[in-house]
Amino acid sequence: MYFIDDSLRPENQQHPIIQAVPCGPQWLPGDTDDVPVTMVSHQVQKAVGCHNAGATVLHVQMREADGKGARRMFNEMLDRLRTAMPRRVLQTGF
């Protein structure tokens, strides 16, 4: 490949922003065994796995056993995520 200057070479470009959603809202607990529900440690484990795979932004959901959003547990989960990945961008949803 011919480049006029070096700016278009992959090694000179900025890293892409990769957003991961370990547990999206479209999946309910009965859909698959892999949907973490209410278990903060399970959610954090999934998020850390996405981070280790290269995700730069994480969108996290916290849910009750029936699949509805769980605001009451969000602070605990965010605390654990910030401890496990202090420099990661976190986006939350219900």
Protein backbone atom coordinates (compact mmCIF):
# COMPACT_ATOMS: atom_id res chain seq x y z
CA MET A 1 0.00 0.00 0.00
CA TYR A 2 1.29 3.47 -0.86
CA PHE A 3 0.92 6.34 1.63
CA ILE A 4 1.68 10.00 0.86
CA ASP A 5 2.63 10.48 4.49
CA ASP A 6 2.73 8.17 7.49
CA SER A 7 -0.52 9.39 9.07
CA LEU A 8 -2.68 6.69 7.47
CA ARG A 9 -0.57 3.77 8.59
CA PRO A 10 -2.39 1.67 11.20
CA GLU A 11 0.44 1.99 13.70
CA ASN A 12 0.11 5.82 13.58
CA GLN A 13 -3.65 6.00 14.02
CA GLN A 14 -5.47 6.42 17.31
CA HIS A 15 -6.84 3.31 18.95
CA PRO A 16 -10.50 2.64 18.19
CA ILE A 17 -13.14 3.09 20.86
CA ILE A 18 -14.80 -0.25 21.54
CA GLN A 19 -17.99 -0.29 23.58
CA ALA A 20 -19.17 -3.51 25.18
CA VAL A 21 -22.50 -4.31 26.81
CA PRO A 22 -21.94 -7.43 28.95
CA CYS A 23 -25.65 -7.76 29.62
CA GLY A 24 -27.99 -5.85 27.31
CA PRO A 25 -31.60 -5.02 28.24
CA GLN A 26 -33.09 -7.12 25.44
CA TRP A 27 -32.09 -10.37 27.15
CA LEU A 28 -34.12 -11.65 30.07
CA PRO A 29 -32.90 -14.13 32.69
CA GLY A 30 -34.88 -17.00 31.14
CA ASP A 31 -33.37 -16.45 27.68
CA THR A 32 -29.94 -17.84 28.52
CA ASP A 33 -27.92 -18.92 31.55
CA ASP A 34 -25.27 -16.33 30.68
CA VAL A 35 -27.39 -13.30 31.69
CA PRO A 36 -26.12 -12.05 35.06
CA VAL A 37 -29.00 -10.93 37.25
CA THR A 38 -28.73 -9.05 40.58
CA MET A 39 -25.39 -10.67 41.37
CA VAL A 40 -23.04 -7.74 41.51
CA SER A 41 -19.94 -9.94 41.49
CA HIS A 42 -21.13 -11.76 38.35
CA GLN A 43 -21.78 -8.44 36.59
CA VAL A 44 -18.34 -7.16 37.56
CA GLN A 45 -16.72 -10.40 36.37
CA LYS A 46 -18.42 -10.05 32.95
CA ALA A 47 -17.39 -6.38 32.69
CA VAL A 48 -13.76 -7.14 33.59
CA GLY A 49 -13.76 -9.86 30.92
CA CYS A 50 -14.89 -7.32 28.32
CA HIS A 51 -12.24 -4.87 29.54
CA ASN A 52 -9.53 -7.54 29.26
CA ALA A 53 -10.72 -8.32 25.72
CA GLY A 54 -10.11 -4.69 24.72
CA ALA A 55 -13.30 -2.76 25.44
CA THR A 56 -12.65 0.89 26.25
CA VAL A 57 -16.24 1.79 27.21
CA LEU A 58 -18.56 -0.44 29.22
CA HIS A 59 -22.33 -0.07 29.31
CA VAL A 60 -23.67 -1.89 32.35
CA GLN A 61 -27.19 -2.85 33.42
CA MET A 62 -28.33 -4.00 36.84
CA ARG A 63 -31.51 -6.04 37.11
CA GLU A 64 -33.79 -7.75 39.54
CA ALA A 65 -34.56 -11.47 39.18
CA ASP A 66 -37.62 -10.63 37.04
CA GLY A 67 -35.44 -8.75 34.55
CA LYS A 68 -36.51 -5.21 35.50
CA GLY A 69 -33.94 -2.52 36.27
CA ALA A 70 -32.50 -2.53 39.80
CA ARG A 71 -31.49 0.97 40.90
CA ARG A 72 -30.98 -0.08 44.51
CA MET A 73 -27.87 -2.15 43.68
CA PHE A 74 -26.24 0.23 41.21
CA ASN A 75 -24.01 2.05 43.71
CA GLU A 76 -22.49 -1.20 44.94
CA MET A 77 -21.85 -2.39 41.39
CA LEU A 78 -20.31 0.94 40.31
CA ASP A 79 -18.05 0.93 43.37
CA ARG A 80 -16.78 -2.54 42.50
CA LEU A 81 -16.34 -1.67 38.82
CA ARG A 82 -14.34 1.46 39.66
CA THR A 83 -12.15 -0.57 42.00
CA ALA A 84 -11.59 -3.34 39.43
CA MET A 85 -11.08 -0.96 36.48
CA PRO A 86 -10.27 2.54 37.80
CA ARG A 87 -9.61 4.17 34.42
CA ARG A 88 -12.44 2.67 32.40
CA VAL A 89 -15.33 4.72 30.96
CA LEU A 90 -18.61 3.44 32.38
CA GLN A 91 -22.06 4.07 30.96
CA THR A 92 -25.09 2.93 32.92
CA GLY A 93 -28.65 2.03 32.00
CA PHE A 94 -31.78 0.61 33.53
